[in-house]
Amino acid sequence: MTTPEQSFSPADAIEALRTAIRRRIMGQDLAIDELLAALLARGHVLLEGVPGVAKTLLVRVVAGACGVRFGRIQFTPDLMPADITGTSVLRGGDGRFEFRPGPLFADILLADEINRAPAKTQAALLEAMQEKQVTVDGTRHDLGQRFTVVATQNPVEFEGTYPLPEAQLDRFLVKVRVGYPAAADELAMLQAHARGDDPERAMLTDGVAISAEQLDALRAATDAVTIAPDVVAYIAAVVRATREDPALALGASPRASVALLRVSRAAAMLAGRNFVTPDDVKGFAPAALRHRLILSPELDVEGRTTDDVLAAVLLRVPAPV
């Protein structure tokens, strides 16, 4: 008899995930794949986009589709670190302190509008994101191996936002830009709402596609994806080229090289392959690198973006054949 473990198919699980997510999120296929790639690669995600493009809904739907514990923190200017991590409270019976965990203790944590809180509160996530634990009153508390932060932010040019510290930005495996949907997708969304199908009202459990254990299996399969030495060398060459580009005041770090390798493996898994190609690297390089680069002042004034520079770098660096 075939056991559930023996019958598990990564390709089927990924297709089930995509179907469940796209049923509620229309016109954001690239953002969905970049978010799923980070999830398979065990990395944290920064979602950036103007208000109203379904950033928060996307995270809720993904967490629901994966069947994992979901937590949400709404970042505000008066949010304190203890509001995130939890606090020690005095028990009435024996006079001892007892730790009461905060909303940080989840498998997928939505840090909503993270750049609306000051740097001190944003920094409360640093230890959790790097070590998957928090320290409160000298005691460490484990967050579990599934712990993933998906933070949303509005662009910094909007009023009432604070730029994220560079150290925290570097903890995000990818930065996903969520833009406006295409005209046809927006029309389909409006037609769905006209029929009374409002995804905002859907319960998280309504779209469960895989179990938490199957998500673990997908991550293990992603770790086993083969990457040839010439593709590894290509990743290193792309990252090093950003450090030598005069258009950038700050290039990508060695941590960025590791991030691009991990995301490229996940890209191959999403494509149904057990090996990485140069196209996987090219396709997901912007998501893995854009938030780790700083434009030179001249290009910043001209309105250029890090994606523009990365596109030029990818054209310039020869890919293996």
C-alpha atoms as a PDB file:
ATOM      1  CA  MET A   1       0.000   0.000   0.000  1.00  0.00           C
ATOM      2  CA  THR A   2       1.255   3.469  -0.849  1.00  0.00           C
ATOM      3  CA  THR A   3       1.694   5.736   2.141  1.00  0.00           C
ATOM      4  CA  PRO A   4       0.929   9.498   1.998  1.00  0.00           C
ATOM      5  CA  GLU A   5       4.664  10.183   2.272  1.00  0.00           C
ATOM      6  CA  GLN A   6       5.442   7.908  -0.712  1.00  0.00           C
ATOM      7  CA  SER A   7       2.703   9.456  -2.851  1.00  0.00           C
ATOM      8  CA  PHE A   8       3.758  13.040  -2.134  1.00  0.00           C
ATOM      9  CA  SER A   9       4.571  14.892  -5.345  1.00  0.00           C
ATOM     10  CA  PRO A  10       6.346  18.258  -5.118  1.00  0.00           C
ATOM     11  CA  ALA A  11       5.005  19.273  -8.529  1.00  0.00           C
ATOM     12  CA  ASP A  12       1.418  18.470  -7.513  1.00  0.00           C
ATOM     13  CA  ALA A  13       1.827  20.310  -4.204  1.00  0.00           C
ATOM     14  CA  ILE A  14       3.174  23.429  -5.926  1.00  0.00           C
ATOM     15  CA  GLU A  15       0.360  23.383  -8.480  1.00  0.00           C
ATOM     16  CA  ALA A  16      -2.207  23.024  -5.684  1.00  0.00           C
ATOM     17  CA  LEU A  17      -0.633  25.999  -3.894  1.00  0.00           C
ATOM     18  CA  ARG A  18      -0.650  28.187  -6.996  1.00  0.00           C
ATOM     19  CA  THR A  19      -4.238  27.288  -7.818  1.00  0.00           C
ATOM     20  CA  ALA A  20      -5.482  28.042  -4.305  1.00  0.00           C
ATOM     21  CA  ILE A  21      -3.660  31.390  -4.191  1.00  0.00           C
ATOM     22  CA  ARG A  22      -4.574  32.562  -7.691  1.00  0.00           C
ATOM     23  CA  ARG A  23      -8.217  31.774  -7.006  1.00  0.00           C
ATOM     24  CA  ARG A  24      -8.236  34.744  -4.628  1.00  0.00           C
ATOM     25  CA  ILE A  25      -5.324  36.895  -5.858  1.00  0.00           C
ATOM     26  CA  MET A  26      -5.667  38.025  -9.469  1.00  0.00           C
ATOM     27  CA  GLY A  27      -3.025  39.663 -11.633  1.00  0.00           C
ATOM     28  CA  GLN A  28      -0.030  39.094  -9.324  1.00  0.00           C
ATOM     29  CA  ASP A  29       1.486  35.907 -10.742  1.00  0.00           C
ATOM     30  CA  LEU A  30       5.113  37.114 -10.531  1.00  0.00           C
ATOM     31  CA  ALA A  31       4.676  38.317  -6.944  1.00  0.00           C
ATOM     32  CA  ILE A  32       3.069  34.984  -6.017  1.00  0.00           C
ATOM     33  CA  ASP A  33       5.959  32.988  -7.493  1.00  0.00           C
ATOM     34  CA  GLU A  34       8.603  35.194  -5.826  1.00  0.00           C
ATOM     35  CA  LEU A  35       6.831  34.818  -2.489  1.00  0.00           C
ATOM     36  CA  LEU A  36       6.537  31.044  -2.913  1.00  0.00           C
ATOM     37  CA  ALA A  37      10.216  30.833  -3.897  1.00  0.00           C
ATOM     38  CA  ALA A  38      11.234  32.556  -0.677  1.00  0.00           C
ATOM     39  CA  LEU A  39       8.936  30.279   1.319  1.00  0.00           C
ATOM     40  CA  LEU A  40      10.487  27.155  -0.239  1.00  0.00           C
ATOM     41  CA  ALA A  41      13.984  28.573   0.368  1.00  0.00           C
ATOM     42  CA  ARG A  42      13.188  29.182   4.080  1.00  0.00           C
ATOM     43  CA  GLY A  43      13.622  32.941   3.749  1.00  0.00           C
ATOM     44  CA  HIS A  44      11.834  36.093   4.877  1.00  0.00           C
ATOM     45  CA  VAL A  45       9.977  38.326   2.436  1.00  0.00           C
ATOM     46  CA  LEU A  46       9.511  42.077   2.102  1.00  0.00           C
ATOM     47  CA  LEU A  47       6.451  43.026   0.048  1.00  0.00           C
ATOM     48  CA  GLU A  48       6.417  46.583  -1.242  1.00  0.00           C
ATOM     49  CA  GLY A  49       3.578  48.337  -3.009  1.00  0.00           C
ATOM     50  CA  VAL A  50       1.151  51.214  -2.775  1.00  0.00           C
ATOM     51  CA  PRO A  51      -1.945  50.766  -0.589  1.00  0.00           C
ATOM     52  CA  GLY A  52      -4.745  48.718  -2.081  1.00  0.00           C
ATOM     53  CA  VAL A  53      -2.835  46.197  -4.238  1.00  0.00           C
ATOM     54  CA  ALA A  54      -3.644  43.201  -1.957  1.00  0.00           C
ATOM     55  CA  LYS A  55      -0.304  42.854  -0.137  1.00  0.00           C
ATOM     56  CA  THR A  56      -1.929  41.901   3.168  1.00  0.00           C
ATOM     57  CA  LEU A  57      -4.482  39.655   1.513  1.00  0.00           C
ATOM     58  CA  LEU A  58      -1.729  37.862  -0.414  1.00  0.00           C
ATOM     59  CA  VAL A  59       0.085  36.914   2.801  1.00  0.00           C
ATOM     60  CA  ARG A  60      -3.127  35.755   4.488  1.00  0.00           C
ATOM     61  CA  VAL A  61      -4.048  33.612   1.497  1.00  0.00           C
ATOM     62  CA  VAL A  62      -0.559  32.051   1.246  1.00  0.00           C
ATOM     63  CA  ALA A  63      -0.533  31.191   4.958  1.00  0.00           C
ATOM     64  CA  GLY A  64      -4.009  29.699   4.681  1.00  0.00           C
ATOM     65  CA  ALA A  65      -3.044  27.656   1.604  1.00  0.00           C
ATOM     66  CA  CYS A  66      -0.054  26.193   3.475  1.00  0.00           C
ATOM     67  CA  GLY A  67      -2.086  25.164   6.528  1.00  0.00           C
ATOM     68  CA  VAL A  68       0.354  26.728   9.003  1.00  0.00           C
ATOM     69  CA  ARG A  69      -0.018  28.882  12.111  1.00  0.00           C
ATOM     70  CA  PHE A  70      -0.584  32.471  11.068  1.00  0.00           C
ATOM     71  CA  GLY A  71       0.153  35.596  13.098  1.00  0.00           C
ATOM     72  CA  ARG A  72      -0.261  39.266  12.318  1.00  0.00           C
ATOM     73  CA  ILE A  73       1.237  42.440  13.778  1.00  0.00           C
ATOM     74  CA  GLN A  74      -0.042  45.809  12.640  1.00  0.00           C
ATOM     75  CA  PHE A  75       2.949  48.135  12.889  1.00  0.00           C
ATOM     76  CA  THR A  76       2.163  51.617  14.172  1.00  0.00           C
ATOM     77  CA  PRO A  77       4.325  54.514  15.432  1.00  0.00           C
ATOM     78  CA  ASP A  78       3.519  53.660  19.079  1.00  0.00           C
ATOM     79  CA  LEU A  79       4.200  49.906  18.829  1.00  0.00           C
ATOM     80  CA  MET A  80       6.746  48.717  21.429  1.00  0.00           C
ATOM     81  CA  PRO A  81       9.179  45.756  21.127  1.00  0.00           C
ATOM     82  CA  ALA A  82       7.377  43.895  23.931  1.00  0.00           C
ATOM     83  CA  ASP A  83       4.170  44.112  21.916  1.00  0.00           C
ATOM     84  CA  ILE A  84       5.899  41.895  19.350  1.00  0.00           C
ATOM     85  CA  THR A  85       7.988  39.440  21.351  1.00  0.00           C
ATOM     86  CA  GLY A  86       5.854  39.036  24.464  1.00  0.00           C
ATOM     87  CA  THR A  87       6.444  39.837  28.134  1.00  0.00           C
ATOM     88  CA  SER A  88       7.068  38.195  31.494  1.00  0.00           C
ATOM     89  CA  VAL A  89       4.163  38.661  33.898  1.00  0.00           C
ATOM     90  CA  LEU A  90       3.930  37.958  37.621  1.00  0.00           C
ATOM     91  CA  ARG A  91       1.757  35.000  38.514  1.00  0.00           C
ATOM     92  CA  GLY A  92      -0.548  35.546  41.427  1.00  0.00           C
ATOM     93  CA  GLY A  93      -0.245  32.099  42.989  1.00  0.00           C
ATOM     94  CA  ASP A  94       3.464  31.568  43.633  1.00  0.00           C
ATOM     95  CA  GLY A  95       4.920  34.999  42.807  1.00  0.00           C
ATOM     96  CA  ARG A  96       6.944  33.682  39.864  1.00  0.00           C
ATOM     97  CA  PHE A  97       7.261  35.326  36.481  1.00  0.00           C
ATOM     98  CA  GLU A  98       5.654  33.604  33.521  1.00  0.00           C
ATOM     99  CA  PHE A  99       6.422  34.341  29.880  1.00  0.00           C
ATOM    100  CA  ARG A 100       3.440  35.191  27.740  1.00  0.00           C
ATOM    101  CA  PRO A 101       4.402  34.952  24.064  1.00  0.00           C
ATOM    102  CA  GLY A 102       3.507  37.751  21.675  1.00  0.00           C
ATOM    103  CA  PRO A 103       2.138  37.448  18.145  1.00  0.00           C
ATOM    104  CA  LEU A 104       5.693  36.792  16.892  1.00  0.00           C
ATOM    105  CA  PHE A 105       5.187  33.108  17.756  1.00  0.00           C
ATOM    106  CA  ALA A 106       3.733  31.844  14.476  1.00  0.00           C
ATOM    107  CA  ASP A 107       4.828  29.860  11.430  1.00  0.00           C
ATOM    108  CA  ILE A 108       4.116  32.717   9.013  1.00  0.00           C
ATOM    109  CA  LEU A 109       4.094  36.162  10.595  1.00  0.00           C
ATOM    110  CA  LEU A 110       2.579  39.079   8.723  1.00  0.00           C
ATOM    111  CA  ALA A 111       4.396  42.256   9.775  1.00  0.00           C
ATOM    112  CA  ASP A 112       1.896  44.636   8.220  1.00  0.00           C
ATOM    113  CA  GLU A 113       3.167  48.083   7.203  1.00  0.00           C
ATOM    114  CA  ILE A 114       6.468  47.442   8.941  1.00  0.00           C
ATOM    115  CA  ASN A 115       7.849  50.827   7.902  1.00  0.00           C
ATOM    116  CA  ARG A 116       5.194  52.681   9.907  1.00  0.00           C
ATOM    117  CA  ALA A 117       7.021  51.816  13.142  1.00  0.00           C
ATOM    118  CA  PRO A 118      10.266  53.483  14.274  1.00  0.00           C
ATOM    119  CA  ALA A 119      13.612  51.705  13.998  1.00  0.00           C
ATOM    120  CA  LYS A 120      13.680  50.550  17.643  1.00  0.00           C
ATOM    121  CA  THR A 121      10.558  48.483  17.138  1.00  0.00           C
ATOM    122  CA  GLN A 122      11.634  47.229  13.724  1.00  0.00           C
ATOM    123  CA  ALA A 123      14.884  46.058  15.316  1.00  0.00           C
ATOM    124  CA  ALA A 124      12.936  43.783  17.671  1.00  0.00           C
ATOM    125  CA  LEU A 125      12.534  41.456  14.697  1.00  0.00           C
ATOM    126  CA  LEU A 126      16.266  41.177  13.945  1.00  0.00           C
ATOM    127  CA  GLU A 127      17.121  38.336  16.334  1.00  0.00           C
ATOM    128  CA  ALA A 128      13.940  36.486  15.413  1.00  0.00           C
ATOM    129  CA  MET A 129      14.623  36.735  11.677  1.00  0.00           C
ATOM    130  CA  GLN A 130      18.263  35.711  11.947  1.00  0.00           C
ATOM    131  CA  GLU A 131      18.177  33.054  14.675  1.00  0.00           C
ATOM    132  CA  LYS A 132      14.489  32.040  14.856  1.00  0.00           C
ATOM    133  CA  GLN A 133      14.410  32.819  18.553  1.00  0.00           C
ATOM    134  CA  VAL A 134      13.784  35.754  20.858  1.00  0.00           C
ATOM    135  CA  THR A 135      15.391  36.679  24.158  1.00  0.00           C
ATOM    136  CA  VAL A 136      13.138  38.162  26.829  1.00  0.00           C
ATOM    137  CA  ASP A 137      14.503  38.947  30.307  1.00  0.00           C
ATOM    138  CA  GLY A 138      17.613  36.896  29.559  1.00  0.00           C
ATOM    139  CA  THR A 139      15.690  33.765  28.518  1.00  0.00           C
ATOM    140  CA  ARG A 140      15.682  32.471  24.969  1.00  0.00           C
ATOM    141  CA  HIS A 141      12.464  31.261  23.386  1.00  0.00           C
ATOM    142  CA  ASP A 142      12.486  29.173  20.205  1.00  0.00           C
ATOM    143  CA  LEU A 143      10.211  30.190  17.344  1.00  0.00           C
ATOM    144  CA  GLY A 144      10.370  26.913  15.401  1.00  0.00           C
ATOM    145  CA  GLN A 145      11.951  26.046  12.071  1.00  0.00           C
ATOM    146  CA  ARG A 146       8.906  27.091  10.043  1.00  0.00           C
ATOM    147  CA  PHE A 147       9.069  30.669  11.337  1.00  0.00           C
ATOM    148  CA  THR A 148       8.907  33.087   8.401  1.00  0.00           C
ATOM    149  CA  VAL A 149       8.375  36.842   8.398  1.00  0.00           C
ATOM    150  CA  VAL A 150       6.460  38.348   5.510  1.00  0.00           C
ATOM    151  CA  ALA A 151       6.537  42.113   5.957  1.00  0.00           C
ATOM    152  CA  THR A 152       4.593  44.630   3.914  1.00  0.00           C
ATOM    153  CA  GLN A 153       5.562  48.231   3.401  1.00  0.00           C
ATOM    154  CA  ASN A 154       4.429  51.247   1.461  1.00  0.00           C
ATOM    155  CA  PRO A 155       7.079  53.074  -0.573  1.00  0.00           C
ATOM    156  CA  VAL A 156       9.073  55.501   1.572  1.00  0.00           C
ATOM    157  CA  GLU A 157       7.919  58.487  -0.410  1.00  0.00           C
ATOM    158  CA  PHE A 158       4.492  58.110   1.150  1.00  0.00           C
ATOM    159  CA  GLU A 159       3.782  60.178   4.253  1.00  0.00           C
ATOM    160  CA  GLY A 160       4.123  58.584   7.687  1.00  0.00           C
ATOM    161  CA  THR A 161       6.743  55.933   6.876  1.00  0.00           C
ATOM    162  CA  TYR A 162      10.251  55.206   8.200  1.00  0.00           C
ATOM    163  CA  PRO A 163      13.010  53.638   6.063  1.00  0.00           C
ATOM    164  CA  LEU A 164      14.080  50.179   7.255  1.00  0.00           C
ATOM    165  CA  PRO A 165      17.636  49.901   8.652  1.00  0.00           C
ATOM    166  CA  GLU A 166      20.142  48.340   6.251  1.00  0.00           C
ATOM    167  CA  ALA A 167      20.863  45.516   8.719  1.00  0.00           C
ATOM    168  CA  GLN A 168      17.211  44.540   8.740  1.00  0.00           C
ATOM    169  CA  LEU A 169      16.777  44.839   4.983  1.00  0.00           C
ATOM    170  CA  ASP A 170      19.617  42.352   4.559  1.00  0.00           C
ATOM    171  CA  ARG A 171      17.678  39.781   6.630  1.00  0.00           C
ATOM    172  CA  PHE A 172      14.983  39.565   3.970  1.00  0.00           C
ATOM    173  CA  LEU A 173      15.753  36.879   1.416  1.00  0.00           C
ATOM    174  CA  VAL A 174      13.719  38.661  -1.263  1.00  0.00           C
ATOM    175  CA  LYS A 175      11.986  41.968  -1.837  1.00  0.00           C
ATOM    176  CA  VAL A 176       8.825  41.512  -3.876  1.00  0.00           C
ATOM    177  CA  ARG A 177       7.249  44.474  -5.617  1.00  0.00           C
ATOM    178  CA  VAL A 178       3.466  44.273  -5.867  1.00  0.00           C
ATOM    179  CA  GLY A 179       2.183  46.549  -8.602  1.00  0.00           C
ATOM    180  CA  TYR A 180      -1.153  47.301 -10.175  1.00  0.00           C
ATOM    181  CA  PRO A 181      -2.817  44.374 -11.996  1.00  0.00           C
ATOM    182  CA  ALA A 182      -3.247  44.358 -15.754  1.00  0.00           C
ATOM    183  CA  ALA A 183      -6.511  45.743 -17.112  1.00  0.00           C
ATOM    184  CA  ALA A 184      -7.966  42.297 -17.847  1.00  0.00           C
ATOM    185  CA  ASP A 185      -7.104  41.025 -14.341  1.00  0.00           C
ATOM    186  CA  GLU A 186      -8.598  44.091 -12.699  1.00  0.00           C
ATOM    187  CA  LEU A 187     -11.773  43.653 -14.710  1.00  0.00           C
ATOM    188  CA  ALA A 188     -11.990  39.978 -13.705  1.00  0.00           C
ATOM    189  CA  MET A 189     -11.548  41.009 -10.056  1.00  0.00           C
ATOM    190  CA  LEU A 190     -14.374  43.550 -10.337  1.00  0.00           C
ATOM    191  CA  GLN A 191     -16.637  40.975 -11.998  1.00  0.00           C
ATOM    192  CA  ALA A 192     -15.932  38.543  -9.146  1.00  0.00           C
ATOM    193  CA  HIS A 193     -16.858  41.208  -6.603  1.00  0.00           C
ATOM    194  CA  ALA A 194     -20.025  41.991  -8.564  1.00  0.00           C
ATOM    195  CA  ARG A 195     -21.010  38.321  -8.201  1.00  0.00           C
ATOM    196  CA  GLY A 196     -20.524  38.603  -4.432  1.00  0.00           C
ATOM    197  CA  ASP A 197     -17.191  36.759  -4.331  1.00  0.00           C
ATOM    198  CA  ASP A 198     -15.201  38.886  -1.889  1.00  0.00           C
ATOM    199  CA  PRO A 199     -11.810  37.312  -0.990  1.00  0.00           C
ATOM    200  CA  GLU A 200     -11.498  39.618   2.017  1.00  0.00           C
ATOM    201  CA  ARG A 201     -14.318  37.711   3.697  1.00  0.00           C
ATOM    202  CA  ALA A 202     -12.871  34.260   3.057  1.00  0.00           C
ATOM    203  CA  MET A 203     -11.659  32.281   6.059  1.00  0.00           C
ATOM    204  CA  LEU A 204      -7.986  31.290   6.118  1.00  0.00           C
ATOM    205  CA  THR A 205      -8.930  27.595   6.238  1.00  0.00           C
ATOM    206  CA  ASP A 206     -11.125  27.920   3.160  1.00  0.00           C
ATOM    207  CA  GLY A 207      -8.239  27.614   0.733  1.00  0.00           C
ATOM    208  CA  VAL A 208      -5.938  25.041   2.394  1.00  0.00           C
ATOM    209  CA  ALA A 209      -3.973  23.337  -0.383  1.00  0.00           C
ATOM    210  CA  ILE A 210      -1.160  21.508   1.435  1.00  0.00           C
ATOM    211  CA  SER A 211      -0.387  20.596   5.028  1.00  0.00           C
ATOM    212  CA  ALA A 212       2.382  22.072   7.145  1.00  0.00           C
ATOM    213  CA  GLU A 213       4.206  18.741   6.866  1.00  0.00           C
ATOM    214  CA  GLN A 214       4.006  18.896   3.080  1.00  0.00           C
ATOM    215  CA  LEU A 215       5.484  22.402   3.201  1.00  0.00           C
ATOM    216  CA  ASP A 216       8.392  20.909   5.179  1.00  0.00           C
ATOM    217  CA  ALA A 217       8.772  18.243   2.486  1.00  0.00           C
ATOM    218  CA  LEU A 218       8.782  20.876  -0.259  1.00  0.00           C
ATOM    219  CA  ARG A 219      11.512  22.774   1.551  1.00  0.00           C
ATOM    220  CA  ALA A 220      13.590  19.616   1.929  1.00  0.00           C
ATOM    221  CA  ALA A 221      13.165  18.887  -1.796  1.00  0.00           C
ATOM    222  CA  THR A 222      14.261  22.454  -2.596  1.00  0.00           C
ATOM    223  CA  ASP A 223      17.406  21.985  -0.515  1.00  0.00           C
ATOM    224  CA  ALA A 224      18.222  18.917  -2.650  1.00  0.00           C
ATOM    225  CA  VAL A 225      17.955  20.702  -6.025  1.00  0.00           C
ATOM    226  CA  THR A 226      21.216  20.311  -7.959  1.00  0.00           C
ATOM    227  CA  ILE A 227      23.215  23.361  -8.942  1.00  0.00           C
ATOM    228  CA  ALA A 228      26.165  22.895 -11.283  1.00  0.00           C
ATOM    229  CA  PRO A 229      29.558  24.505 -10.554  1.00  0.00           C
ATOM    230  CA  ASP A 230      29.324  26.774 -13.618  1.00  0.00           C
ATOM    231  CA  VAL A 231      25.948  28.105 -12.428  1.00  0.00           C
ATOM    232  CA  VAL A 232      27.403  28.721  -8.961  1.00  0.00           C
ATOM    233  CA  ALA A 233      30.251  30.633 -10.624  1.00  0.00           C
ATOM    234  CA  TYR A 234      27.674  32.627 -12.613  1.00  0.00           C
ATOM    235  CA  ILE A 235      25.883  33.643  -9.404  1.00  0.00           C
ATOM    236  CA  ALA A 236      29.200  34.781  -7.915  1.00  0.00           C
ATOM    237  CA  ALA A 237      30.032  36.750 -11.072  1.00  0.00           C
ATOM    238  CA  VAL A 238      26.674  38.547 -11.080  1.00  0.00           C
ATOM    239  CA  VAL A 239      27.000  39.545  -7.434  1.00  0.00           C
ATOM    240  CA  ARG A 240      30.601  40.675  -7.819  1.00  0.00           C
ATOM    241  CA  ALA A 241      29.653  42.737 -10.867  1.00  0.00           C
ATOM    242  CA  THR A 242      27.298  44.806  -8.703  1.00  0.00           C
ATOM    243  CA  ARG A 243      30.243  45.778  -6.470  1.00  0.00           C
ATOM    244  CA  GLU A 244      32.205  47.062  -9.451  1.00  0.00           C
ATOM    245  CA  ASP A 245      29.350  48.919 -11.133  1.00  0.00           C
ATOM    246  CA  PRO A 246      29.828  52.727 -10.952  1.00  0.00           C
ATOM    247  CA  ALA A 247      26.049  53.146 -10.974  1.00  0.00           C
ATOM    248  CA  LEU A 248      25.899  51.659  -7.469  1.00  0.00           C
ATOM    249  CA  ALA A 249      27.188  53.241  -4.282  1.00  0.00           C
ATOM    250  CA  LEU A 250      26.869  49.866  -2.543  1.00  0.00           C
ATOM    251  CA  GLY A 251      26.951  46.471  -4.219  1.00  0.00           C
ATOM    252  CA  ALA A 252      25.666  43.129  -3.017  1.00  0.00           C
ATOM    253  CA  SER A 253      27.324  41.293  -0.112  1.00  0.00           C
ATOM    254  CA  PRO A 254      28.348  37.618   0.204  1.00  0.00           C
ATOM    255  CA  ARG A 255      25.055  37.072   2.028  1.00  0.00           C
ATOM    256  CA  ALA A 256      23.369  38.217  -1.183  1.00  0.00           C
ATOM    257  CA  SER A 257      25.248  35.511  -3.111  1.00  0.00           C
ATOM    258  CA  VAL A 258      23.863  32.860  -0.768  1.00  0.00           C
ATOM    259  CA  ALA A 259      20.386  34.370  -1.049  1.00  0.00           C
ATOM    260  CA  LEU A 260      20.498  34.273  -4.858  1.00  0.00           C
ATOM    261  CA  LEU A 261      21.655  30.648  -4.793  1.00  0.00           C
ATOM    262  CA  ARG A 262      18.827  29.644  -2.444  1.00  0.00           C
ATOM    263  CA  VAL A 263      16.191  31.499  -4.454  1.00  0.00           C
ATOM    264  CA  SER A 264      17.495  30.000  -7.712  1.00  0.00           C
ATOM    265  CA  ARG A 265      17.023  26.514  -6.288  1.00  0.00           C
ATOM    266  CA  ALA A 266      13.463  27.406  -5.331  1.00  0.00           C
ATOM    267  CA  ALA A 267      12.881  28.837  -8.825  1.00  0.00           C
ATOM    268  CA  ALA A 268      13.923  25.501 -10.322  1.00  0.00           C
ATOM    269  CA  MET A 269      11.534  23.698  -7.973  1.00  0.00           C
ATOM    270  CA  LEU A 270       8.670  26.011  -9.018  1.00  0.00           C
ATOM    271  CA  ALA A 271       9.507  25.217 -12.651  1.00  0.00           C
ATOM    272  CA  GLY A 272       9.286  21.471 -11.967  1.00  0.00           C
ATOM    273  CA  ARG A 273      13.021  20.779 -12.276  1.00  0.00           C
ATOM    274  CA  ASN A 274      15.584  19.293  -9.882  1.00  0.00           C
ATOM    275  CA  PHE A 275      18.445  21.366 -11.291  1.00  0.00           C
ATOM    276  CA  VAL A 276      19.140  25.097 -11.599  1.00  0.00           C
ATOM    277  CA  THR A 277      19.576  26.855 -14.940  1.00  0.00           C
ATOM    278  CA  PRO A 278      21.039  30.318 -15.632  1.00  0.00           C
ATOM    279  CA  ASP A 279      17.505  31.485 -16.462  1.00  0.00           C
ATOM    280  CA  ASP A 280      16.461  30.687 -12.880  1.00  0.00           C
ATOM    281  CA  VAL A 281      19.229  32.985 -11.683  1.00  0.00           C
ATOM    282  CA  LYS A 282      18.303  35.753 -14.123  1.00  0.00           C
ATOM    283  CA  GLY A 283      14.599  35.544 -13.389  1.00  0.00           C
ATOM    284  CA  PHE A 284      14.902  35.839  -9.618  1.00  0.00           C
ATOM    285  CA  ALA A 285      18.013  38.035  -9.308  1.00  0.00           C
ATOM    286  CA  PRO A 286      15.974  41.261  -8.978  1.00  0.00           C
ATOM    287  CA  ALA A 287      13.924  39.879  -6.079  1.00  0.00           C
ATOM    288  CA  ALA A 288      17.018  38.586  -4.274  1.00  0.00           C
ATOM    289  CA  LEU A 289      19.270  41.620  -4.831  1.00  0.00           C
ATOM    290  CA  ARG A 290      17.240  44.823  -5.335  1.00  0.00           C
ATOM    291  CA  HIS A 291      16.944  45.681  -1.625  1.00  0.00           C
ATOM    292  CA  ARG A 292      20.652  45.081  -0.941  1.00  0.00           C
ATOM    293  CA  LEU A 293      21.909  47.673  -3.422  1.00  0.00           C
ATOM    294  CA  ILE A 294      22.230  51.447  -3.092  1.00  0.00           C
ATOM    295  CA  LEU A 295      22.165  53.621  -6.199  1.00  0.00           C
ATOM    296  CA  SER A 296      24.769  56.300  -6.764  1.00  0.00           C
ATOM    297  CA  PRO A 297      23.346  59.768  -6.003  1.00  0.00           C
ATOM    298  CA  GLU A 298      23.438  60.748  -9.671  1.00  0.00           C
ATOM    299  CA  LEU A 299      21.223  57.868 -10.810  1.00  0.00           C
ATOM    300  CA  ASP A 300      18.925  58.298  -7.835  1.00  0.00           C
ATOM    301  CA  VAL A 301      18.283  61.896  -8.869  1.00  0.00           C
ATOM    302  CA  GLU A 302      17.597  60.769 -12.448  1.00  0.00           C
ATOM    303  CA  GLY A 303      14.860  58.425 -11.239  1.00  0.00           C
ATOM    304  CA  ARG A 304      16.685  55.200 -12.128  1.00  0.00           C
ATOM    305  CA  THR A 305      16.130  52.087 -10.007  1.00  0.00           C
ATOM    306  CA  THR A 306      18.260  49.195  -8.800  1.00  0.00           C
ATOM    307  CA  ASP A 307      16.238  46.956 -11.131  1.00  0.00           C
ATOM    308  CA  ASP A 308      17.511  49.030 -14.070  1.00  0.00           C
ATOM    309  CA  VAL A 309      21.105  48.516 -12.963  1.00  0.00           C
ATOM    310  CA  LEU A 310      20.566  44.785 -12.349  1.00  0.00           C
ATOM    311  CA  ALA A 311      19.110  44.383 -15.834  1.00  0.00           C
ATOM    312  CA  ALA A 312      22.272  45.920 -17.285  1.00  0.00           C
ATOM    313  CA  VAL A 313      24.484  43.701 -15.103  1.00  0.00           C
ATOM    314  CA  LEU A 314      22.652  40.549 -16.232  1.00  0.00           C
ATOM    315  CA  LEU A 315      23.117  41.577 -19.863  1.00  0.00           C
ATOM    316  CA  ARG A 316      26.809  42.219 -19.313  1.00  0.00           C
ATOM    317  CA  VAL A 317      27.800  39.110 -17.334  1.00  0.00           C
ATOM    318  CA  PRO A 318      28.082  36.080 -19.634  1.00  0.00           C
ATOM    319  CA  ALA A 319      25.876  33.154 -18.615  1.00  0.00           C
ATOM    320  CA  PRO A 320      27.010  29.539 -18.910  1.00  0.00           C
ATOM    321  CA  VAL A 321      25.612  27.514 -21.817  1.00  0.00           C
END
